[in-house]
Amino acid sequence: MQKKIFSDQTLEELKRTEKKYLSIVKFHIISFCILVGIAAYITIENDFSIYTFFPLLFTPIYIYSLINLKKVKAEIKTRTAYIFIQKKIQENK
């Protein structure tokens, strides 16, 4: 399945995509907090090890998800502003 570009999606598809990315970001926040807790515990108990750096290894994935969520929100904002302006123009005619 090919990934659709945000500008090619309809407003409804964008809203579904936003919900999907929002749930992904929530999951990543929860998993990041758990990983930080585990890393802190292991570091306190056994000193530094590879497990200490696990949260850092997954950070780019979390950042990528946040960036995509911001892009979707920006596209939705642009679309709704355009629709609002078009309605205003039609009302004034």
PDB file of N, CA and C in Angstrom:
ATOM      1  N   MET A   1       0.832  -1.175   0.000  1.00  0.00           N
ATOM      2  CA  MET A   1       0.000   0.000   0.000  1.00  0.00           C
ATOM      3  C   MET A   1       0.878   1.240   0.000  1.00  0.00           C
ATOM      4  N   GLN A   2       0.635   2.134  -0.939  1.00  0.00           N
ATOM      5  CA  GLN A   2       1.426   3.351  -0.997  1.00  0.00           C
ATOM      6  C   GLN A   2       0.900   4.377  -0.013  1.00  0.00           C
ATOM      7  N   LYS A   3       1.813   5.124   0.531  1.00  0.00           N
ATOM      8  CA  LYS A   3       1.463   6.178   1.473  1.00  0.00           C
ATOM      9  C   LYS A   3       1.025   7.407   0.685  1.00  0.00           C
ATOM     10  N   LYS A   4      -0.138   7.949   1.041  1.00  0.00           N
ATOM     11  CA  LYS A   4      -0.648   9.120   0.345  1.00  0.00           C
ATOM     12  C   LYS A   4       0.001  10.384   0.910  1.00  0.00           C
ATOM     13  N   ILE A   5       0.259  11.321   0.031  1.00  0.00           N
ATOM     14  CA  ILE A   5       0.775  12.615   0.451  1.00  0.00           C
ATOM     15  C   ILE A   5      -0.367  13.377   1.105  1.00  0.00           C
ATOM     16  N   PHE A   6      -0.061  14.137   2.154  1.00  0.00           N
ATOM     17  CA  PHE A   6      -1.094  14.842   2.894  1.00  0.00           C
ATOM     18  C   PHE A   6      -1.892  15.793   2.013  1.00  0.00           C
ATOM     19  N   SER A   7      -1.246  16.437   1.062  1.00  0.00           N
ATOM     20  CA  SER A   7      -1.955  17.389   0.206  1.00  0.00           C
ATOM     21  C   SER A   7      -2.901  16.691  -0.774  1.00  0.00           C
ATOM     22  N   ASP A   8      -2.727  15.390  -0.987  1.00  0.00           N
ATOM     23  CA  ASP A   8      -3.611  14.637  -1.879  1.00  0.00           C
ATOM     24  C   ASP A   8      -4.807  14.038  -1.159  1.00  0.00           C
ATOM     25  N   GLN A   9      -4.817  14.101   0.159  1.00  0.00           N
ATOM     26  CA  GLN A   9      -5.905  13.503   0.930  1.00  0.00           C
ATOM     27  C   GLN A   9      -7.065  14.485   1.080  1.00  0.00           C
ATOM     28  N   THR A  10      -8.258  13.923   1.243  1.00  0.00           N
ATOM     29  CA  THR A  10      -9.415  14.765   1.519  1.00  0.00           C
ATOM     30  C   THR A  10      -9.379  15.181   2.983  1.00  0.00           C
ATOM     31  N   LEU A  11     -10.267  16.093   3.340  1.00  0.00           N
ATOM     32  CA  LEU A  11     -10.296  16.573   4.720  1.00  0.00           C
ATOM     33  C   LEU A  11     -10.663  15.441   5.684  1.00  0.00           C
ATOM     34  N   GLU A  12     -11.584  14.581   5.282  1.00  0.00           N
ATOM     35  CA  GLU A  12     -11.957  13.439   6.124  1.00  0.00           C
ATOM     36  C   GLU A  12     -10.786  12.475   6.315  1.00  0.00           C
ATOM     37  N   GLU A  13     -10.060  12.213   5.244  1.00  0.00           N
ATOM     38  CA  GLU A  13      -8.886  11.336   5.350  1.00  0.00           C
ATOM     39  C   GLU A  13      -7.827  11.965   6.244  1.00  0.00           C
ATOM     40  N   LEU A  14      -7.673  13.267   6.151  1.00  0.00           N
ATOM     41  CA  LEU A  14      -6.707  13.953   7.010  1.00  0.00           C
ATOM     42  C   LEU A  14      -7.097  13.841   8.473  1.00  0.00           C
ATOM     43  N   LYS A  15      -8.382  13.953   8.757  1.00  0.00           N
ATOM     44  CA  LYS A  15      -8.826  13.834  10.153  1.00  0.00           C
ATOM     45  C   LYS A  15      -8.596  12.420  10.684  1.00  0.00           C
ATOM     46  N   ARG A  16      -8.825  11.412   9.831  1.00  0.00           N
ATOM     47  CA  ARG A  16      -8.531  10.033  10.244  1.00  0.00           C
ATOM     48  C   ARG A  16      -7.031   9.840  10.453  1.00  0.00           C
ATOM     49  N   THR A  17      -6.227  10.426   9.571  1.00  0.00           N
ATOM     50  CA  THR A  17      -4.772  10.337   9.701  1.00  0.00           C
ATOM     51  C   THR A  17      -4.310  11.026  10.972  1.00  0.00           C
ATOM     52  N   GLU A  18      -4.935  12.154  11.288  1.00  0.00           N
ATOM     53  CA  GLU A  18      -4.579  12.873  12.518  1.00  0.00           C
ATOM     54  C   GLU A  18      -4.873  12.015  13.747  1.00  0.00           C
ATOM     55  N   LYS A  19      -6.031  11.368  13.768  1.00  0.00           N
ATOM     56  CA  LYS A  19      -6.371  10.506  14.897  1.00  0.00           C
ATOM     57  C   LYS A  19      -5.378   9.353  15.014  1.00  0.00           C
ATOM     58  N   LYS A  20      -4.984   8.804  13.869  1.00  0.00           N
ATOM     59  CA  LYS A  20      -4.024   7.694  13.872  1.00  0.00           C
ATOM     60  C   LYS A  20      -2.686   8.152  14.447  1.00  0.00           C
ATOM     61  N   TYR A  21      -2.187   9.299  13.953  1.00  0.00           N
ATOM     62  CA  TYR A  21      -0.901   9.794  14.449  1.00  0.00           C
ATOM     63  C   TYR A  21      -0.984  10.217  15.909  1.00  0.00           C
ATOM     64  N   LEU A  22      -2.144  10.740  16.321  1.00  0.00           N
ATOM     65  CA  LEU A  22      -2.302  11.128  17.714  1.00  0.00           C
ATOM     66  C   LEU A  22      -2.223   9.908  18.629  1.00  0.00           C
ATOM     67  N   SER A  23      -2.846   8.802  18.225  1.00  0.00           N
ATOM     68  CA  SER A  23      -2.761   7.588  19.042  1.00  0.00           C
ATOM     69  C   SER A  23      -1.346   7.021  19.029  1.00  0.00           C
ATOM     70  N   ILE A  24      -0.662   7.127  17.893  1.00  0.00           N
ATOM     71  CA  ILE A  24       0.723   6.663  17.817  1.00  0.00           C
ATOM     72  C   ILE A  24       1.615   7.493  18.742  1.00  0.00           C
ATOM     73  N   VAL A  25       1.421   8.806  18.739  1.00  0.00           N
ATOM     74  CA  VAL A  25       2.227   9.682  19.595  1.00  0.00           C
ATOM     75  C   VAL A  25       1.953   9.381  21.068  1.00  0.00           C
ATOM     76  N   LYS A  26       0.695   9.157  21.425  1.00  0.00           N
ATOM     77  CA  LYS A  26       0.376   8.808  22.817  1.00  0.00           C
ATOM     78  C   LYS A  26       1.067   7.506  23.220  1.00  0.00           C
ATOM     79  N   PHE A  27       1.019   6.523  22.331  1.00  0.00           N
ATOM     80  CA  PHE A  27       1.695   5.255  22.611  1.00  0.00           C
ATOM     81  C   PHE A  27       3.198   5.469  22.786  1.00  0.00           C
ATOM     82  N   HIS A  28       3.790   6.300  21.937  1.00  0.00           N
ATOM     83  CA  HIS A  28       5.227   6.556  22.035  1.00  0.00           C
ATOM     84  C   HIS A  28       5.586   7.282  23.328  1.00  0.00           C
ATOM     85  N   ILE A  29       4.745   8.202  23.751  1.00  0.00           N
ATOM     86  CA  ILE A  29       5.013   8.901  25.013  1.00  0.00           C
ATOM     87  C   ILE A  29       4.986   7.922  26.180  1.00  0.00           C
ATOM     88  N   ILE A  30       3.984   7.055  26.189  1.00  0.00           N
ATOM     89  CA  ILE A  30       3.886   6.066  27.269  1.00  0.00           C
ATOM     90  C   ILE A  30       5.072   5.107  27.233  1.00  0.00           C
ATOM     91  N   SER A  31       5.411   4.610  26.057  1.00  0.00           N
ATOM     92  CA  SER A  31       6.533   3.677  25.961  1.00  0.00           C
ATOM     93  C   SER A  31       7.853   4.359  26.316  1.00  0.00           C
ATOM     94  N   PHE A  32       7.995   5.641  25.941  1.00  0.00           N
ATOM     95  CA  PHE A  32       9.217   6.374  26.284  1.00  0.00           C
ATOM     96  C   PHE A  32       9.342   6.524  27.795  1.00  0.00           C
ATOM     97  N   CYS A  33       8.239   6.844  28.470  1.00  0.00           N
ATOM     98  CA  CYS A  33       8.284   6.970  29.933  1.00  0.00           C
ATOM     99  C   CYS A  33       8.635   5.638  30.594  1.00  0.00           C
ATOM    100  N   ILE A  34       8.088   4.558  30.073  1.00  0.00           N
ATOM    101  CA  ILE A  34       8.413   3.240  30.615  1.00  0.00           C
ATOM    102  C   ILE A  34       9.886   2.913  30.386  1.00  0.00           C
ATOM    103  N   LEU A  35      10.386   3.195  29.186  1.00  0.00           N
ATOM    104  CA  LEU A  35      11.801   2.934  28.897  1.00  0.00           C
ATOM    105  C   LEU A  35      12.725   3.769  29.772  1.00  0.00           C
ATOM    106  N   VAL A  36      12.366   5.018  30.002  1.00  0.00           N
ATOM    107  CA  VAL A  36      13.188   5.874  30.872  1.00  0.00           C
ATOM    108  C   VAL A  36      13.183   5.324  32.296  1.00  0.00           C
ATOM    109  N   GLY A  37      12.014   4.882  32.758  1.00  0.00           N
ATOM    110  CA  GLY A  37      11.933   4.305  34.100  1.00  0.00           C
ATOM    111  C   GLY A  37      12.776   3.045  34.230  1.00  0.00           C
ATOM    112  N   ILE A  38      12.691   2.178  33.248  1.00  0.00           N
ATOM    113  CA  ILE A  38      13.489   0.947  33.267  1.00  0.00           C
ATOM    114  C   ILE A  38      14.980   1.264  33.195  1.00  0.00           C
ATOM    115  N   ALA A  39      15.332   2.211  32.324  1.00  0.00           N
ATOM    116  CA  ALA A  39      16.744   2.586  32.195  1.00  0.00           C
ATOM    117  C   ALA A  39      17.273   3.192  33.488  1.00  0.00           C
ATOM    118  N   ALA A  40      16.470   4.016  34.143  1.00  0.00           N
ATOM    119  CA  ALA A  40      16.903   4.614  35.412  1.00  0.00           C
ATOM    120  C   ALA A  40      17.074   3.541  36.479  1.00  0.00           C
ATOM    121  N   TYR A  41      16.132   2.619  36.543  1.00  0.00           N
ATOM    122  CA  TYR A  41      16.231   1.548  37.531  1.00  0.00           C
ATOM    123  C   TYR A  41      17.467   0.679  37.303  1.00  0.00           C
ATOM    124  N   ILE A  42      17.686   0.287  36.052  1.00  0.00           N
ATOM    125  CA  ILE A  42      18.844  -0.555  35.746  1.00  0.00           C
ATOM    126  C   ILE A  42      20.150   0.193  36.012  1.00  0.00           C
ATOM    127  N   THR A  43      20.177   1.478  35.713  1.00  0.00           N
ATOM    128  CA  THR A  43      21.389   2.265  35.960  1.00  0.00           C
ATOM    129  C   THR A  43      21.668   2.377  37.451  1.00  0.00           C
ATOM    130  N   ILE A  44      20.627   2.571  38.234  1.00  0.00           N
ATOM    131  CA  ILE A  44      20.813   2.681  39.688  1.00  0.00           C
ATOM    132  C   ILE A  44      21.270   1.347  40.275  1.00  0.00           C
ATOM    133  N   GLU A  45      20.686   0.266  39.806  1.00  0.00           N
ATOM    134  CA  GLU A  45      21.006  -1.047  40.362  1.00  0.00           C
ATOM    135  C   GLU A  45      22.341  -1.614  39.859  1.00  0.00           C
ATOM    136  N   ASN A  46      22.613  -1.494  38.550  1.00  0.00           N
ATOM    137  CA  ASN A  46      23.759  -2.204  37.970  1.00  0.00           C
ATOM    138  C   ASN A  46      24.786  -1.297  37.317  1.00  0.00           C
ATOM    139  N   ASP A  47      24.687  -0.027  37.510  1.00  0.00           N
ATOM    140  CA  ASP A  47      25.570   0.935  36.863  1.00  0.00           C
ATOM    141  C   ASP A  47      25.207   1.017  35.372  1.00  0.00           C
ATOM    142  N   PHE A  48      26.016   1.694  34.586  1.00  0.00           N
ATOM    143  CA  PHE A  48      25.698   1.904  33.174  1.00  0.00           C
ATOM    144  C   PHE A  48      25.787   0.607  32.376  1.00  0.00           C
ATOM    145  N   SER A  49      24.851   0.449  31.462  1.00  0.00           N
ATOM    146  CA  SER A  49      24.861  -0.685  30.538  1.00  0.00           C
ATOM    147  C   SER A  49      24.178  -0.243  29.247  1.00  0.00           C
ATOM    148  N   ILE A  50      24.025  -1.154  28.310  1.00  0.00           N
ATOM    149  CA  ILE A  50      23.378  -0.833  27.040  1.00  0.00           C
ATOM    150  C   ILE A  50      21.916  -0.450  27.255  1.00  0.00           C
ATOM    151  N   TYR A  51      21.283  -0.999  28.272  1.00  0.00           N
ATOM    152  CA  TYR A  51      19.875  -0.696  28.553  1.00  0.00           C
ATOM    153  C   TYR A  51      19.671   0.753  28.986  1.00  0.00           C
ATOM    154  N   THR A  52      20.721   1.374  29.472  1.00  0.00           N
ATOM    155  CA  THR A  52      20.638   2.775  29.871  1.00  0.00           C
ATOM    156  C   THR A  52      20.351   3.676  28.674  1.00  0.00           C
ATOM    157  N   PHE A  53      20.820   3.271  27.514  1.00  0.00           N
ATOM    158  CA  PHE A  53      20.702   4.117  26.334  1.00  0.00           C
ATOM    159  C   PHE A  53      19.532   3.745  25.422  1.00  0.00           C
ATOM    160  N   PHE A  54      18.702   2.786  25.810  1.00  0.00           N
ATOM    161  CA  PHE A  54      17.553   2.403  24.984  1.00  0.00           C
ATOM    162  C   PHE A  54      16.610   3.568  24.673  1.00  0.00           C
ATOM    163  N   PRO A  55      16.277   4.413  25.649  1.00  0.00           N
ATOM    164  CA  PRO A  55      15.393   5.545  25.307  1.00  0.00           C
ATOM    165  C   PRO A  55      15.998   6.442  24.220  1.00  0.00           C
ATOM    166  N   LEU A  56      17.307   6.589  24.215  1.00  0.00           N
ATOM    167  CA  LEU A  56      17.945   7.421  23.194  1.00  0.00           C
ATOM    168  C   LEU A  56      17.888   6.774  21.811  1.00  0.00           C
ATOM    169  N   LEU A  57      17.909   5.460  21.765  1.00  0.00           N
ATOM    170  CA  LEU A  57      17.850   4.770  20.478  1.00  0.00           C
ATOM    171  C   LEU A  57      16.492   4.930  19.793  1.00  0.00           C
ATOM    172  N   PHE A  58      15.441   5.041  20.583  1.00  0.00           N
ATOM    173  CA  PHE A  58      14.098   5.157  20.033  1.00  0.00           C
ATOM    174  C   PHE A  58      13.639   6.600  19.856  1.00  0.00           C
ATOM    175  N   THR A  59      14.410   7.547  20.305  1.00  0.00           N
ATOM    176  CA  THR A  59      14.032   8.958  20.213  1.00  0.00           C
ATOM    177  C   THR A  59      13.784   9.421  18.774  1.00  0.00           C
ATOM    178  N   PRO A  60      14.574   9.054  17.774  1.00  0.00           N
ATOM    179  CA  PRO A  60      14.260   9.500  16.401  1.00  0.00           C
ATOM    180  C   PRO A  60      12.892   9.035  15.906  1.00  0.00           C
ATOM    181  N   ILE A  61      12.471   7.860  16.314  1.00  0.00           N
ATOM    182  CA  ILE A  61      11.152   7.368  15.922  1.00  0.00           C
ATOM    183  C   ILE A  61      10.068   8.246  16.531  1.00  0.00           C
ATOM    184  N   TYR A  62      10.238   8.619  17.784  1.00  0.00           N
ATOM    185  CA  TYR A  62       9.259   9.474  18.459  1.00  0.00           C
ATOM    186  C   TYR A  62       9.206  10.850  17.800  1.00  0.00           C
ATOM    187  N   ILE A  63      10.359  11.390  17.481  1.00  0.00           N
ATOM    188  CA  ILE A  63      10.418  12.714  16.851  1.00  0.00           C
ATOM    189  C   ILE A  63       9.776  12.678  15.471  1.00  0.00           C
ATOM    190  N   TYR A  64      10.013  11.621  14.710  1.00  0.00           N
ATOM    191  CA  TYR A  64       9.410  11.470  13.385  1.00  0.00           C
ATOM    192  C   TYR A  64       7.881  11.462  13.482  1.00  0.00           C
ATOM    193  N   SER A  65       7.341  10.767  14.472  1.00  0.00           N
ATOM    194  CA  SER A  65       5.892  10.726  14.657  1.00  0.00           C
ATOM    195  C   SER A  65       5.337  12.099  15.013  1.00  0.00           C
ATOM    196  N   LEU A  66       6.041  12.818  15.870  1.00  0.00           N
ATOM    197  CA  LEU A  66       5.601  14.171  16.232  1.00  0.00           C
ATOM    198  C   LEU A  66       5.626  15.111  15.034  1.00  0.00           C
ATOM    199  N   ILE A  67       6.646  15.007  14.214  1.00  0.00           N
ATOM    200  CA  ILE A  67       6.744  15.862  13.022  1.00  0.00           C
ATOM    201  C   ILE A  67       5.598  15.565  12.061  1.00  0.00           C
ATOM    202  N   ASN A  68       5.288  14.301  11.859  1.00  0.00           N
ATOM    203  CA  ASN A  68       4.175  13.944  10.978  1.00  0.00           C
ATOM    204  C   ASN A  68       2.844  14.437  11.527  1.00  0.00           C
ATOM    205  N   LEU A  69       2.652  14.354  12.835  1.00  0.00           N
ATOM    206  CA  LEU A  69       1.424  14.859  13.438  1.00  0.00           C
ATOM    207  C   LEU A  69       1.299  16.357  13.220  1.00  0.00           C
ATOM    208  N   LYS A  70       2.391  17.087  13.376  1.00  0.00           N
ATOM    209  CA  LYS A  70       2.361  18.535  13.148  1.00  0.00           C
ATOM    210  C   LYS A  70       2.051  18.860  11.690  1.00  0.00           C
ATOM    211  N   LYS A  71       2.586  18.080  10.764  1.00  0.00           N
ATOM    212  CA  LYS A  71       2.307  18.304   9.341  1.00  0.00           C
ATOM    213  C   LYS A  71       0.833  18.087   9.028  1.00  0.00           C
ATOM    214  N   VAL A  72       0.261  17.040   9.603  1.00  0.00           N
ATOM    215  CA  VAL A  72      -1.158  16.763   9.368  1.00  0.00           C
ATOM    216  C   VAL A  72      -2.017  17.886   9.946  1.00  0.00           C
ATOM    217  N   LYS A  73      -1.693  18.321  11.149  1.00  0.00           N
ATOM    218  CA  LYS A  73      -2.459  19.411  11.765  1.00  0.00           C
ATOM    219  C   LYS A  73      -2.345  20.700  10.958  1.00  0.00           C
ATOM    220  N   ALA A  74      -1.164  20.974  10.437  1.00  0.00           N
ATOM    221  CA  ALA A  74      -0.985  22.175   9.620  1.00  0.00           C
ATOM    222  C   ALA A  74      -1.798  22.089   8.336  1.00  0.00           C
ATOM    223  N   GLU A  75      -1.843  20.914   7.721  1.00  0.00           N
ATOM    224  CA  GLU A  75      -2.626  20.739   6.489  1.00  0.00           C
ATOM    225  C   GLU A  75      -4.118  20.891   6.766  1.00  0.00           C
ATOM    226  N   ILE A  76      -4.584  20.347   7.894  1.00  0.00           N
ATOM    227  CA  ILE A  76      -5.992  20.493   8.266  1.00  0.00           C
ATOM    228  C   ILE A  76      -6.317  21.959   8.512  1.00  0.00           C
ATOM    229  N   LYS A  77      -5.426  22.649   9.188  1.00  0.00           N
ATOM    230  CA  LYS A  77      -5.645  24.071   9.469  1.00  0.00           C
ATOM    231  C   LYS A  77      -5.713  24.869   8.166  1.00  0.00           C
ATOM    232  N   THR A  78      -4.842  24.571   7.232  1.00  0.00           N
ATOM    233  CA  THR A  78      -4.846  25.253   5.941  1.00  0.00           C
ATOM    234  C   THR A  78      -6.143  24.982   5.189  1.00  0.00           C
ATOM    235  N   ARG A  79      -6.567  23.734   5.186  1.00  0.00           N
ATOM    236  CA  ARG A  79      -7.797  23.375   4.471  1.00  0.00           C
ATOM    237  C   ARG A  79      -9.017  24.052   5.085  1.00  0.00           C
ATOM    238  N   THR A  80      -9.126  24.025   6.413  1.00  0.00           N
ATOM    239  CA  THR A  80     -10.297  24.623   7.047  1.00  0.00           C
ATOM    240  C   THR A  80     -10.304  26.133   6.860  1.00  0.00           C
ATOM    241  N   ALA A  81      -9.136  26.764   6.872  1.00  0.00           N
ATOM    242  CA  ALA A  81      -9.079  28.205   6.626  1.00  0.00           C
ATOM    243  C   ALA A  81      -9.510  28.513   5.197  1.00  0.00           C
ATOM    244  N   TYR A  82      -9.090  27.701   4.246  1.00  0.00           N
ATOM    245  CA  TYR A  82      -9.466  27.902   2.847  1.00  0.00           C
ATOM    246  C   TYR A  82     -10.974  27.732   2.673  1.00  0.00           C
ATOM    247  N   ILE A  83     -11.537  26.707   3.290  1.00  0.00           N
ATOM    248  CA  ILE A  83     -12.979  26.475   3.199  1.00  0.00           C
ATOM    249  C   ILE A  83     -13.738  27.633   3.833  1.00  0.00           C
ATOM    250  N   PHE A  84     -13.262  28.121   4.964  1.00  0.00           N
ATOM    251  CA  PHE A  84     -13.901  29.241   5.645  1.00  0.00           C
ATOM    252  C   PHE A  84     -13.883  30.487   4.766  1.00  0.00           C
ATOM    253  N   ILE A  85     -12.769  30.756   4.131  1.00  0.00           N
ATOM    254  CA  ILE A  85     -12.659  31.928   3.263  1.00  0.00           C
ATOM    255  C   ILE A  85     -13.572  31.785   2.057  1.00  0.00           C
ATOM    256  N   GLN A  86     -13.653  30.601   1.476  1.00  0.00           N
ATOM    257  CA  GLN A  86     -14.540  30.374   0.344  1.00  0.00           C
ATOM    258  C   GLN A  86     -16.006  30.587   0.722  1.00  0.00           C
ATOM    259  N   LYS A  87     -16.410  30.168   1.903  1.00  0.00           N
ATOM    260  CA  LYS A  87     -17.783  30.373   2.359  1.00  0.00           C
ATOM    261  C   LYS A  87     -18.065  31.850   2.562  1.00  0.00           C
ATOM    262  N   LYS A  88     -17.113  32.577   3.107  1.00  0.00           N
ATOM    263  CA  LYS A  88     -17.282  34.018   3.321  1.00  0.00           C
ATOM    264  C   LYS A  88     -17.453  34.751   1.988  1.00  0.00           C
ATOM    265  N   ILE A  89     -16.658  34.346   1.003  1.00  0.00           N
ATOM    266  CA  ILE A  89     -16.741  34.974  -0.312  1.00  0.00           C
ATOM    267  C   ILE A  89     -18.104  34.698  -0.942  1.00  0.00           C
ATOM    268  N   GLN A  90     -18.593  33.486  -0.811  1.00  0.00           N
ATOM    269  CA  GLN A  90     -19.890  33.143  -1.391  1.00  0.00           C
ATOM    270  C   GLN A  90     -21.025  33.860  -0.679  1.00  0.00           C
ATOM    271  N   GLU A  91     -20.903  34.080   0.641  1.00  0.00           N
ATOM    272  CA  GLU A  91     -21.929  34.795   1.394  1.00  0.00           C
ATOM    273  C   GLU A  91     -21.995  36.264   0.984  1.00  0.00           C
ATOM    274  N   ASN A  92     -20.859  36.844   0.654  1.00  0.00           N
ATOM    275  CA  ASN A  92     -20.809  38.261   0.291  1.00  0.00           C
ATOM    276  C   ASN A  92     -21.319  38.538  -1.119  1.00  0.00           C
ATOM    277  N   LYS A  93     -21.442  37.522  -1.950  1.00  0.00           N
ATOM    278  CA  LYS A  93     -21.930  37.724  -3.318  1.00  0.00           C
ATOM    279  C   LYS A  93     -23.404  37.886  -3.386  1.00  0.00           C
TER     280      LYS A  93
END
